[in-house]
C-alpha atoms as a PDB file:
ATOM      1  CA  MET A   1     -58.332  16.277  74.307  1.00  0.00           C
ATOM      2  CA  ASN A   2     -61.046  17.376  76.723  1.00  0.00           C
ATOM      3  CA  PRO A   3     -62.933  14.290  77.786  1.00  0.00           C
ATOM      4  CA  GLU A   4     -66.211  16.386  77.732  1.00  0.00           C
ATOM      5  CA  ARG A   5     -65.527  17.754  74.030  1.00  0.00           C
ATOM      6  CA  TYR A   6     -64.653  14.321  72.989  1.00  0.00           C
ATOM      7  CA  GLN A   7     -68.055  12.751  74.013  1.00  0.00           C
ATOM      8  CA  LEU A   8     -69.837  15.837  72.558  1.00  0.00           C
ATOM      9  CA  MET A   9     -68.033  15.220  69.133  1.00  0.00           C
ATOM     10  CA  VAL A  10     -69.215  11.524  69.501  1.00  0.00           C
ATOM     11  CA  GLN A  11     -72.438  12.401  70.338  1.00  0.00           C
ATOM     12  CA  VAL A  12     -72.762  14.792  67.442  1.00  0.00           C
ATOM     13  CA  ALA A  13     -71.364  12.493  64.946  1.00  0.00           C
ATOM     14  CA  ARG A  14     -73.936   9.593  65.906  1.00  0.00           C
ATOM     15  CA  LEU A  15     -76.999  12.235  65.653  1.00  0.00           C
ATOM     16  CA  HIS A  16     -75.553  13.350  62.042  1.00  0.00           C
ATOM     17  CA  TYR A  17     -74.374   9.952  60.530  1.00  0.00           C
ATOM     18  CA  THR A  18     -76.209   7.373  62.248  1.00  0.00           C
ATOM     19  CA  HIS A  19     -79.603   9.025  62.890  1.00  0.00           C
ATOM     20  CA  GLN A  20     -79.498  11.313  59.714  1.00  0.00           C
ATOM     21  CA  LYS A  21     -80.212  14.542  61.683  1.00  0.00           C
ATOM     22  CA  SER A  22     -79.262  17.560  59.914  1.00  0.00           C
ATOM     23  CA  GLN A  23     -76.815  20.262  61.811  1.00  0.00           C
ATOM     24  CA  GLN A  24     -79.633  22.717  62.414  1.00  0.00           C
ATOM     25  CA  ASP A  25     -81.815  19.990  63.945  1.00  0.00           C
ATOM     26  CA  ILE A  26     -78.676  19.030  66.250  1.00  0.00           C
ATOM     27  CA  ALA A  27     -77.838  22.507  67.256  1.00  0.00           C
ATOM     28  CA  LYS A  28     -81.306  22.966  68.312  1.00  0.00           C
ATOM     29  CA  GLN A  29     -81.463  19.517  70.153  1.00  0.00           C
ATOM     30  CA  LEU A  30     -78.209  20.309  72.048  1.00  0.00           C
ATOM     31  CA  GLY A  31     -78.669  24.349  72.598  1.00  0.00           C
ATOM     32  CA  LEU A  32     -75.648  24.861  70.646  1.00  0.00           C
ATOM     33  CA  SER A  33     -75.083  27.281  67.328  1.00  0.00           C
ATOM     34  CA  ARG A  34     -75.152  25.496  64.017  1.00  0.00           C
ATOM     35  CA  PRO A  35     -71.219  26.767  63.313  1.00  0.00           C
ATOM     36  CA  THR A  36     -70.397  24.880  66.780  1.00  0.00           C
ATOM     37  CA  ILE A  37     -72.059  21.830  65.463  1.00  0.00           C
ATOM     38  CA  SER A  38     -70.270  22.066  61.727  1.00  0.00           C
ATOM     39  CA  ARG A  39     -66.731  22.188  63.755  1.00  0.00           C
ATOM     40  CA  LEU A  40     -67.562  19.367  66.093  1.00  0.00           C
ATOM     41  CA  ILE A  41     -68.446  17.058  62.855  1.00  0.00           C
ATOM     42  CA  ALA A  42     -65.182  18.381  61.120  1.00  0.00           C
ATOM     43  CA  ASP A  43     -62.845  17.542  64.253  1.00  0.00           C
ATOM     44  CA  ALA A  44     -64.708  14.339  64.395  1.00  0.00           C
ATOM     45  CA  ILE A  45     -63.582  13.227  61.161  1.00  0.00           C
ATOM     46  CA  LYS A  46     -59.999  14.908  61.891  1.00  0.00           C
ATOM     47  CA  HIS A  47     -59.859  12.640  65.131  1.00  0.00           C
ATOM     48  CA  LYS A  48     -60.935   9.427  63.098  1.00  0.00           C
ATOM     49  CA  ILE A  49     -64.009   9.193  65.432  1.00  0.00           C
ATOM     50  CA  VAL A  50     -65.761   9.331  61.958  1.00  0.00           C
ATOM     51  CA  THR A  51     -64.241   7.371  59.065  1.00  0.00           C
ATOM     52  CA  PHE A  52     -65.656   6.678  55.439  1.00  0.00           C
ATOM     53  CA  THR A  53     -65.240   3.862  53.084  1.00  0.00           C
ATOM     54  CA  ILE A  54     -66.259   4.213  49.483  1.00  0.00           C
ATOM     55  CA  HIS A  55     -67.303   1.197  47.691  1.00  0.00           C
ATOM     56  CA  ASP A  56     -66.572   1.645  44.026  1.00  0.00           C
ATOM     57  CA  ASP A  57     -67.144  -1.628  42.176  1.00  0.00           C
ATOM     58  CA  GLN A  58     -65.715  -0.149  38.987  1.00  0.00           C
ATOM     59  CA  SER A  59     -62.315   0.571  40.914  1.00  0.00           C
ATOM     60  CA  ASP A  60     -62.608  -3.055  42.533  1.00  0.00           C
ATOM     61  CA  LEU A  61     -62.856  -4.469  38.899  1.00  0.00           C
ATOM     62  CA  LEU A  62     -60.162  -2.215  37.496  1.00  0.00           C
ATOM     63  CA  ASP A  63     -57.649  -3.648  40.412  1.00  0.00           C
ATOM     64  CA  LEU A  64     -58.464  -7.120  39.324  1.00  0.00           C
ATOM     65  CA  GLU A  65     -57.972  -6.422  35.686  1.00  0.00           C
ATOM     66  CA  ASN A  66     -54.599  -5.116  36.503  1.00  0.00           C
ATOM     67  CA  ASP A  67     -53.587  -7.675  39.122  1.00  0.00           C
ATOM     68  CA  ILE A  68     -54.539 -10.560  36.620  1.00  0.00           C
ATOM     69  CA  GLN A  69     -52.949  -8.978  33.635  1.00  0.00           C
ATOM     70  CA  GLU A  70     -49.486  -8.771  35.761  1.00  0.00           C
ATOM     71  CA  LYS A  71     -49.583 -11.960  37.341  1.00  0.00           C
ATOM     72  CA  TYR A  72     -50.376 -13.873  33.717  1.00  0.00           C
ATOM     73  CA  GLY A  73     -48.589 -11.528  31.417  1.00  0.00           C
ATOM     74  CA  LEU A  74     -51.432 -10.787  29.061  1.00  0.00           C
ATOM     75  CA  LYS A  75     -51.960  -8.006  26.908  1.00  0.00           C
ATOM     76  CA  ALA A  76     -55.447  -6.915  28.261  1.00  0.00           C
ATOM     77  CA  VAL A  77     -57.914  -8.144  31.071  1.00  0.00           C
ATOM     78  CA  LYS A  78     -61.990  -7.239  30.981  1.00  0.00           C
ATOM     79  CA  VAL A  79     -63.698  -8.297  34.250  1.00  0.00           C
ATOM     80  CA  ALA A  80     -67.252  -8.479  34.099  1.00  0.00           C
ATOM     81  CA  ASN A  81     -69.324  -7.262  36.996  1.00  0.00           C
ATOM     82  CA  VAL A  82     -72.121 -10.173  38.029  1.00  0.00           C
ATOM     83  CA  VAL A  83     -74.575  -9.842  40.718  1.00  0.00           C
ATOM     84  CA  ASN A  84     -73.999 -13.461  41.759  1.00  0.00           C
ATOM     85  CA  GLU A  85     -72.187 -16.629  40.676  1.00  0.00           C
ATOM     86  CA  ASN A  86     -75.493 -18.303  39.112  1.00  0.00           C
ATOM     87  CA  TYR A  87     -73.959 -19.364  35.664  1.00  0.00           C
ATOM     88  CA  GLU A  88     -76.694 -17.954  33.528  1.00  0.00           C
ATOM     89  CA  TYR A  89     -75.962 -14.424  34.892  1.00  0.00           C
ATOM     90  CA  VAL A  90     -72.198 -15.107  34.320  1.00  0.00           C
ATOM     91  CA  LEU A  91     -72.689 -16.070  30.823  1.00  0.00           C
ATOM     92  CA  ASN A  92     -74.976 -13.114  30.143  1.00  0.00           C
ATOM     93  CA  ALA A  93     -72.061 -10.537  31.776  1.00  0.00           C
ATOM     94  CA  LEU A  94     -69.484 -12.554  29.826  1.00  0.00           C
ATOM     95  CA  GLY A  95     -71.338 -12.063  26.335  1.00  0.00           C
ATOM     96  CA  GLN A  96     -71.928  -8.256  26.968  1.00  0.00           C
ATOM     97  CA  THR A  97     -68.483  -7.389  28.099  1.00  0.00           C
ATOM     98  CA  ALA A  98     -66.974  -9.343  25.341  1.00  0.00           C
ATOM     99  CA  ALA A  99     -69.147  -8.105  22.795  1.00  0.00           C
ATOM    100  CA  GLN A 100     -68.214  -4.581  23.777  1.00  0.00           C
ATOM    101  CA  TYR A 101     -64.691  -5.194  23.801  1.00  0.00           C
ATOM    102  CA  ILE A 102     -64.472  -7.077  20.330  1.00  0.00           C
ATOM    103  CA  GLU A 103     -66.549  -4.284  18.862  1.00  0.00           C
ATOM    104  CA  ALA A 104     -63.731  -1.587  20.189  1.00  0.00           C
ATOM    105  CA  LEU A 105     -60.780  -3.784  19.091  1.00  0.00           C
ATOM    106  CA  ILE A 106     -61.985  -4.842  15.691  1.00  0.00           C
ATOM    107  CA  LYS A 107     -61.143  -2.538  12.503  1.00  0.00           C
ATOM    108  CA  ALA A 108     -61.450  -3.023   8.742  1.00  0.00           C
ATOM    109  CA  GLY A 109     -59.354  -5.550   7.201  1.00  0.00           C
ATOM    110  CA  ASP A 110     -59.294  -8.116  10.239  1.00  0.00           C
ATOM    111  CA  ILE A 111     -59.892 -11.666  10.011  1.00  0.00           C
ATOM    112  CA  LEU A 112     -61.842 -12.879  12.834  1.00  0.00           C
ATOM    113  CA  GLY A 113     -61.603 -16.361  14.055  1.00  0.00           C
ATOM    114  CA  VAL A 114     -64.717 -17.761  16.157  1.00  0.00           C
ATOM    115  CA  SER A 115     -65.029 -20.924  18.182  1.00  0.00           C
ATOM    116  CA  TRP A 116     -68.342 -22.166  19.409  1.00  0.00           C
ATOM    117  CA  GLY A 117     -70.218 -23.345  22.621  1.00  0.00           C
ATOM    118  CA  ARG A 118     -72.932 -21.561  24.977  1.00  0.00           C
ATOM    119  CA  THR A 119     -70.145 -18.835  25.928  1.00  0.00           C
ATOM    120  CA  ILE A 120     -69.345 -17.591  22.583  1.00  0.00           C
ATOM    121  CA  TYR A 121     -72.908 -17.880  21.461  1.00  0.00           C
ATOM    122  CA  HIS A 122     -73.752 -15.403  24.431  1.00  0.00           C
ATOM    123  CA  VAL A 123     -71.146 -13.253  22.984  1.00  0.00           C
ATOM    124  CA  SER A 124     -72.533 -13.219  19.525  1.00  0.00           C
ATOM    125  CA  LYS A 125     -76.119 -12.451  20.959  1.00  0.00           C
ATOM    126  CA  HIS A 126     -74.801  -9.188  22.481  1.00  0.00           C
ATOM    127  CA  LEU A 127     -73.007  -7.861  19.178  1.00  0.00           C
ATOM    128  CA  SER A 128     -74.224  -4.697  17.434  1.00  0.00           C
ATOM    129  CA  GLN A 129     -74.357  -4.374  13.849  1.00  0.00           C
ATOM    130  CA  THR A 130     -71.148  -2.065  12.945  1.00  0.00           C
ATOM    131  CA  HIS A 131     -70.259  -0.226   9.816  1.00  0.00           C
ATOM    132  CA  LEU A 132     -66.967  -1.760   9.127  1.00  0.00           C
ATOM    133  CA  GLU A 133     -66.109  -3.292   5.741  1.00  0.00           C
ATOM    134  CA  ASP A 134     -63.555  -5.881   4.588  1.00  0.00           C
ATOM    135  CA  ILE A 135     -63.911  -8.286   7.577  1.00  0.00           C
ATOM    136  CA  GLN A 136     -63.729 -11.730   7.488  1.00  0.00           C
ATOM    137  CA  VAL A 137     -65.238 -14.269   9.893  1.00  0.00           C
ATOM    138  CA  VAL A 138     -64.104 -17.909   9.906  1.00  0.00           C
ATOM    139  CA  GLN A 139     -64.720 -20.927  12.008  1.00  0.00           C
ATOM    140  CA  LEU A 140     -61.635 -21.989  14.202  1.00  0.00           C
ATOM    141  CA  LYS A 141     -62.877 -25.791  14.440  1.00  0.00           C
ATOM    142  CA  GLY A 142     -65.250 -28.140  12.841  1.00  0.00           C
ATOM    143  CA  GLY A 143     -69.013 -27.587  13.972  1.00  0.00           C
ATOM    144  CA  VAL A 144     -71.063 -30.477  12.735  1.00  0.00           C
ATOM    145  CA  SER A 145     -72.402 -32.886  15.212  1.00  0.00           C
ATOM    146  CA  GLN A 146     -74.919 -35.712  14.944  1.00  0.00           C
ATOM    147  CA  SER A 147     -76.014 -35.268  18.697  1.00  0.00           C
ATOM    148  CA  GLN A 148     -79.258 -33.534  19.680  1.00  0.00           C
ATOM    149  CA  ARG A 149     -77.576 -31.598  22.251  1.00  0.00           C
ATOM    150  CA  LYS A 150     -77.107 -28.038  20.647  1.00  0.00           C
ATOM    151  CA  THR A 151     -73.581 -26.524  19.953  1.00  0.00           C
ATOM    152  CA  TYR A 152     -74.617 -23.287  18.666  1.00  0.00           C
ATOM    153  CA  SER A 153     -72.041 -23.312  16.161  1.00  0.00           C
ATOM    154  CA  TYR A 154     -73.740 -21.955  13.021  1.00  0.00           C
ATOM    155  CA  GLU A 155     -75.979 -19.418  15.304  1.00  0.00           C
ATOM    156  CA  THR A 156     -72.730 -17.978  16.684  1.00  0.00           C
ATOM    157  CA  ILE A 157     -70.802 -17.631  13.498  1.00  0.00           C
ATOM    158  CA  ASP A 158     -73.904 -16.276  12.053  1.00  0.00           C
ATOM    159  CA  ARG A 159     -74.403 -13.590  14.310  1.00  0.00           C
ATOM    160  CA  PHE A 160     -70.708 -12.712  14.375  1.00  0.00           C
ATOM    161  CA  ALA A 161     -70.908 -12.426  10.518  1.00  0.00           C
ATOM    162  CA  HIS A 162     -74.080 -10.472  10.451  1.00  0.00           C
ATOM    163  CA  ALA A 163     -72.626  -7.867  13.021  1.00  0.00           C
ATOM    164  CA  PHE A 164     -69.692  -7.313  10.862  1.00  0.00           C
ATOM    165  CA  ASN A 165     -71.428  -7.083   7.508  1.00  0.00           C
ATOM    166  CA  THR A 166     -70.000 -10.208   5.987  1.00  0.00           C
ATOM    167  CA  GLU A 167     -70.780 -14.096   5.213  1.00  0.00           C
ATOM    168  CA  PRO A 168     -69.456 -16.681   7.779  1.00  0.00           C
ATOM    169  CA  VAL A 169     -66.697 -18.778   6.344  1.00  0.00           C
ATOM    170  CA  LEU A 170     -67.883 -22.281   7.595  1.00  0.00           C
ATOM    171  CA  LEU A 171     -65.743 -25.450   8.306  1.00  0.00           C
ATOM    172  CA  ASN A 172     -68.664 -27.631   7.928  1.00  0.00           C
ATOM    173  CA  LEU A 173     -67.006 -30.939   9.146  1.00  0.00           C
ATOM    174  CA  PRO A 174     -67.308 -32.577  12.561  1.00  0.00           C
ATOM    175  CA  VAL A 175     -64.626 -31.229  15.027  1.00  0.00           C
ATOM    176  CA  ILE A 176     -63.355 -34.933  15.796  1.00  0.00           C
ATOM    177  CA  PHE A 177     -63.296 -37.744  13.446  1.00  0.00           C
ATOM    178  CA  GLU A 178     -63.125 -41.614  14.044  1.00  0.00           C
ATOM    179  CA  ASN A 179     -59.662 -41.800  12.676  1.00  0.00           C
ATOM    180  CA  GLN A 180     -56.522 -39.736  11.395  1.00  0.00           C
ATOM    181  CA  HIS A 181     -56.667 -41.397   7.897  1.00  0.00           C
ATOM    182  CA  ILE A 182     -60.271 -40.176   7.302  1.00  0.00           C
ATOM    183  CA  LYS A 183     -59.646 -36.479   8.636  1.00  0.00           C
ATOM    184  CA  ASP A 184     -56.554 -36.003   6.410  1.00  0.00           C
ATOM    185  CA  THR A 185     -58.249 -37.299   3.431  1.00  0.00           C
ATOM    186  CA  ILE A 186     -61.118 -34.837   3.777  1.00  0.00           C
ATOM    187  CA  LEU A 187     -58.638 -31.954   4.757  1.00  0.00           C
ATOM    188  CA  SER A 188     -56.989 -32.501   1.397  1.00  0.00           C
ATOM    189  CA  ASP A 189     -60.212 -30.981  -0.261  1.00  0.00           C
ATOM    190  CA  SER A 190     -59.255 -27.529  -1.626  1.00  0.00           C
ATOM    191  CA  HIS A 191     -62.180 -25.921  -0.216  1.00  0.00           C
ATOM    192  CA  ILE A 192     -61.530 -27.237   3.378  1.00  0.00           C
ATOM    193  CA  ALA A 193     -57.851 -26.187   2.781  1.00  0.00           C
ATOM    194  CA  ARG A 194     -58.888 -22.696   2.172  1.00  0.00           C
ATOM    195  CA  VAL A 195     -61.105 -22.400   5.191  1.00  0.00           C
ATOM    196  CA  LEU A 196     -58.353 -23.759   7.486  1.00  0.00           C
ATOM    197  CA  ASN A 197     -55.861 -21.341   5.879  1.00  0.00           C
ATOM    198  CA  LEU A 198     -58.124 -18.525   6.602  1.00  0.00           C
ATOM    199  CA  ALA A 199     -58.406 -19.538  10.059  1.00  0.00           C
ATOM    200  CA  GLN A 200     -54.474 -19.584  10.137  1.00  0.00           C
ATOM    201  CA  LYS A 201     -54.574 -16.270   9.119  1.00  0.00           C
ATOM    202  CA  ALA A 202     -57.074 -14.697  11.249  1.00  0.00           C
ATOM    203  CA  ASN A 203     -55.119 -11.943  13.608  1.00  0.00           C
ATOM    204  CA  ILE A 204     -58.140 -11.974  15.931  1.00  0.00           C
ATOM    205  CA  ALA A 205     -59.333 -15.399  17.877  1.00  0.00           C
ATOM    206  CA  VAL A 206     -62.325 -15.626  20.058  1.00  0.00           C
ATOM    207  CA  PHE A 207     -62.966 -18.877  21.941  1.00  0.00           C
ATOM    208  CA  THR A 208     -63.589 -20.493  25.290  1.00  0.00           C
ATOM    209  CA  VAL A 209     -62.625 -23.364  27.487  1.00  0.00           C
ATOM    210  CA  GLY A 210     -64.512 -26.539  28.361  1.00  0.00           C
ATOM    211  CA  SER A 211     -64.540 -28.273  31.467  1.00  0.00           C
ATOM    212  CA  VAL A 212     -63.951 -32.011  31.853  1.00  0.00           C
ATOM    213  CA  ARG A 213     -67.071 -32.351  33.973  1.00  0.00           C
ATOM    214  CA  PRO A 214     -69.393 -35.464  33.250  1.00  0.00           C
ATOM    215  CA  ASN A 215     -71.914 -33.017  31.439  1.00  0.00           C
ATOM    216  CA  ALA A 216     -69.461 -31.007  29.403  1.00  0.00           C
ATOM    217  CA  LEU A 217     -70.575 -30.307  26.025  1.00  0.00           C
ATOM    218  CA  LEU A 218     -68.024 -32.139  24.041  1.00  0.00           C
ATOM    219  CA  PHE A 219     -68.531 -35.433  26.107  1.00  0.00           C
ATOM    220  CA  GLN A 220     -72.217 -35.078  24.981  1.00  0.00           C
ATOM    221  CA  LEU A 221     -71.888 -35.028  21.402  1.00  0.00           C
ATOM    222  CA  ASN A 222     -70.798 -38.692  20.467  1.00  0.00           C
ATOM    223  CA  TYR A 223     -67.260 -37.778  19.266  1.00  0.00           C
ATOM    224  CA  LEU A 224     -65.593 -39.888  22.276  1.00  0.00           C
ATOM    225  CA  THR A 225     -65.559 -43.287  23.494  1.00  0.00           C
ATOM    226  CA  GLU A 226     -66.031 -43.824  27.406  1.00  0.00           C
ATOM    227  CA  ALA A 227     -62.506 -44.931  27.661  1.00  0.00           C
ATOM    228  CA  GLU A 228     -61.295 -41.475  25.981  1.00  0.00           C
ATOM    229  CA  ILE A 229     -63.701 -39.502  28.375  1.00  0.00           C
ATOM    230  CA  THR A 230     -62.588 -41.478  31.468  1.00  0.00           C
ATOM    231  CA  GLN A 231     -58.733 -40.603  30.289  1.00  0.00           C
ATOM    232  CA  LEU A 232     -59.304 -36.826  29.564  1.00  0.00           C
ATOM    233  CA  GLN A 233     -61.287 -36.481  32.823  1.00  0.00           C
ATOM    234  CA  THR A 234     -58.457 -38.106  34.822  1.00  0.00           C
ATOM    235  CA  GLU A 235     -55.571 -36.363  33.244  1.00  0.00           C
ATOM    236  CA  GLY A 236     -56.975 -33.138  31.562  1.00  0.00           C
ATOM    237  CA  VAL A 237     -58.177 -29.875  32.906  1.00  0.00           C
ATOM    238  CA  GLY A 238     -60.047 -28.686  29.925  1.00  0.00           C
ATOM    239  CA  ASP A 239     -60.376 -27.997  26.231  1.00  0.00           C
ATOM    240  CA  ILE A 240     -59.604 -25.211  23.965  1.00  0.00           C
ATOM    241  CA  CYS A 241     -61.287 -25.581  20.292  1.00  0.00           C
ATOM    242  CA  SER A 242     -61.730 -29.429  21.336  1.00  0.00           C
ATOM    243  CA  ARG A 243     -58.011 -29.774  22.169  1.00  0.00           C
ATOM    244  CA  PHE A 244     -57.785 -31.059  25.698  1.00  0.00           C
ATOM    245  CA  TYR A 245     -54.507 -30.257  27.839  1.00  0.00           C
ATOM    246  CA  ASN A 246     -53.709 -30.989  31.411  1.00  0.00           C
ATOM    247  CA  ALA A 247     -52.626 -28.350  33.902  1.00  0.00           C
ATOM    248  CA  HIS A 248     -49.221 -27.928  32.582  1.00  0.00           C
ATOM    249  CA  GLY A 249     -50.581 -27.112  29.123  1.00  0.00           C
ATOM    250  CA  GLN A 250     -49.700 -30.536  27.436  1.00  0.00           C
ATOM    251  CA  ILE A 251     -52.100 -32.329  25.158  1.00  0.00           C
ATOM    252  CA  VAL A 252     -53.579 -35.344  26.910  1.00  0.00           C
ATOM    253  CA  ASN A 253     -54.365 -37.642  24.213  1.00  0.00           C
ATOM    254  CA  GLN A 254     -52.025 -37.350  21.154  1.00  0.00           C
ATOM    255  CA  GLU A 255     -54.178 -39.693  19.141  1.00  0.00           C
ATOM    256  CA  LEU A 256     -57.367 -38.029  19.724  1.00  0.00           C
ATOM    257  CA  ASP A 257     -55.739 -34.478  18.977  1.00  0.00           C
ATOM    258  CA  GLN A 258     -54.415 -36.046  15.598  1.00  0.00           C
ATOM    259  CA  ARG A 259     -58.014 -36.579  14.822  1.00  0.00           C
ATOM    260  CA  THR A 260     -59.531 -33.130  15.737  1.00  0.00           C
ATOM    261  CA  VAL A 261     -60.380 -30.610  12.944  1.00  0.00           C
ATOM    262  CA  GLY A 262     -59.429 -26.978  13.724  1.00  0.00           C
ATOM    263  CA  LEU A 263     -56.319 -24.581  14.832  1.00  0.00           C
ATOM    264  CA  SER A 264     -53.789 -26.350  17.039  1.00  0.00           C
ATOM    265  CA  LEU A 265     -53.201 -24.728  20.464  1.00  0.00           C
ATOM    266  CA  ASN A 266     -50.006 -23.301  19.085  1.00  0.00           C
ATOM    267  CA  GLU A 267     -51.756 -21.538  16.276  1.00  0.00           C
ATOM    268  CA  ILE A 268     -54.014 -20.158  18.512  1.00  0.00           C
ATOM    269  CA  LYS A 269     -51.847 -18.848  21.167  1.00  0.00           C
ATOM    270  CA  ASN A 270     -49.834 -16.855  18.145  1.00  0.00           C
ATOM    271  CA  LYS A 271     -52.691 -14.506  17.211  1.00  0.00           C
ATOM    272  CA  ASP A 272     -52.091 -10.858  17.674  1.00  0.00           C
ATOM    273  CA  HIS A 273     -55.174 -11.191  19.771  1.00  0.00           C
ATOM    274  CA  ALA A 274     -55.978 -14.470  21.364  1.00  0.00           C
ATOM    275  CA  ILE A 275     -58.978 -13.672  23.429  1.00  0.00           C
ATOM    276  CA  LEU A 276     -60.476 -16.193  25.804  1.00  0.00           C
ATOM    277  CA  VAL A 277     -63.770 -15.407  27.190  1.00  0.00           C
ATOM    278  CA  ALA A 278     -64.647 -17.923  30.157  1.00  0.00           C
ATOM    279  CA  GLY A 279     -65.866 -17.859  33.637  1.00  0.00           C
ATOM    280  CA  GLY A 280     -67.558 -19.983  36.395  1.00  0.00           C
ATOM    281  CA  GLN A 281     -66.343 -21.743  39.087  1.00  0.00           C
ATOM    282  CA  HIS A 282     -66.443 -25.273  37.092  1.00  0.00           C
ATOM    283  CA  LYS A 283     -63.955 -23.781  34.378  1.00  0.00           C
ATOM    284  CA  LEU A 284     -61.684 -22.772  37.046  1.00  0.00           C
ATOM    285  CA  ALA A 285     -58.937 -25.256  36.516  1.00  0.00           C
ATOM    286  CA  ALA A 286     -59.393 -25.037  32.606  1.00  0.00           C
ATOM    287  CA  ILE A 287     -58.775 -21.158  32.595  1.00  0.00           C
ATOM    288  CA  LYS A 288     -55.985 -21.615  34.961  1.00  0.00           C
ATOM    289  CA  GLY A 289     -54.390 -24.281  32.628  1.00  0.00           C
ATOM    290  CA  ALA A 290     -54.945 -21.860  29.582  1.00  0.00           C
ATOM    291  CA  LEU A 291     -53.425 -18.999  31.382  1.00  0.00           C
ATOM    292  CA  SER A 292     -50.169 -20.504  32.929  1.00  0.00           C
ATOM    293  CA  SER A 293     -49.778 -22.303  29.457  1.00  0.00           C
ATOM    294  CA  GLY A 294     -50.071 -19.142  27.582  1.00  0.00           C
ATOM    295  CA  PHE A 295     -52.880 -20.410  25.298  1.00  0.00           C
ATOM    296  CA  CYS A 296     -54.478 -16.519  25.346  1.00  0.00           C
ATOM    297  CA  ASN A 297     -53.027 -13.143  25.457  1.00  0.00           C
ATOM    298  CA  GLU A 298     -56.312 -11.494  26.357  1.00  0.00           C
ATOM    299  CA  LEU A 299     -58.998 -12.605  29.056  1.00  0.00           C
ATOM    300  CA  ILE A 300     -62.666 -11.721  29.379  1.00  0.00           C
ATOM    301  CA  THR A 301     -63.936 -13.230  32.764  1.00  0.00           C
ATOM    302  CA  ASP A 302     -66.301 -12.563  35.646  1.00  0.00           C
ATOM    303  CA  LYS A 303     -65.120 -10.888  39.008  1.00  0.00           C
ATOM    304  CA  TYR A 304     -65.826 -14.126  41.111  1.00  0.00           C
ATOM    305  CA  THR A 305     -63.472 -16.315  38.668  1.00  0.00           C
ATOM    306  CA  ALA A 306     -61.114 -13.294  38.506  1.00  0.00           C
ATOM    307  CA  LYS A 307     -60.642 -13.439  42.605  1.00  0.00           C
ATOM    308  CA  GLN A 308     -60.016 -17.118  42.283  1.00  0.00           C
ATOM    309  CA  LEU A 309     -57.458 -16.572  39.608  1.00  0.00           C
ATOM    310  CA  LEU A 310     -55.234 -14.486  42.218  1.00  0.00           C
ATOM    311  CA  VAL A 311     -55.565 -16.988  44.853  1.00  0.00           C
ATOM    312  CA  LYS A 312     -52.276 -18.363  45.615  1.00  0.00           C
ATOM    313  CA  GLY A 313     -51.885 -22.123  44.790  1.00  0.00           C
END
């Protein structure tokens, strides 16, 4: 290529794209015709003097969804776009994305099992009231706490039930009992048995994971001894429906698990739609453990967590 023409192409491209000058203004400035300027710009693109990058957030999210779905063998993945990693922003984005997903998924006759905690509460806040009928909404685990720490258990299921025009079916029990004998005695009650049976029949389960950080919600509800908390923090990565597991998906404390009220991890993972809603750096190990162990078949997370889930190792 003629060096003089090459430099002219560079000059025209810089004036047009960097300095935002019109082709007519450039023609006047350089004493050339407008068609000549147009050809110079076209040639600058052809010879890669000028290149373009299109930043499409939606396309990036779709790529993340497809990559995670393939890596972990999931039925579906939805990645929420968030402006930064502030956990309040993450919770809000997860709530919106999950609510939209559930509204599109659910149909008349479905039984929807719901867990509790801040994440699922944010999902409930974003649900719109539908016109569907014959839907049942049931708690997946006990929701009574004697702690002052808010669990949002009733508010969450009440909002879900309101959105789907039904009455909530509550599991009005502590999620963890002092010993298995007391739990088994109470669970023999016919009403409690019917609630648990309905939870087992649910074809959709919506739940999150808890972390094992010192300020984790379950550690603040006076269910666990200091020794139990220490073991869970040492050996576990998180919990689903208050059932603590390690990085390989194994229950950390069998005795504690026997005292826990609600569906087992195997019962949850076998749902038609086992929907895990979770995000945030502090929950990454728990999410990875849940995914690698097959405790969910559908995932809703945020874009920062999604990228971390694709990192090898």
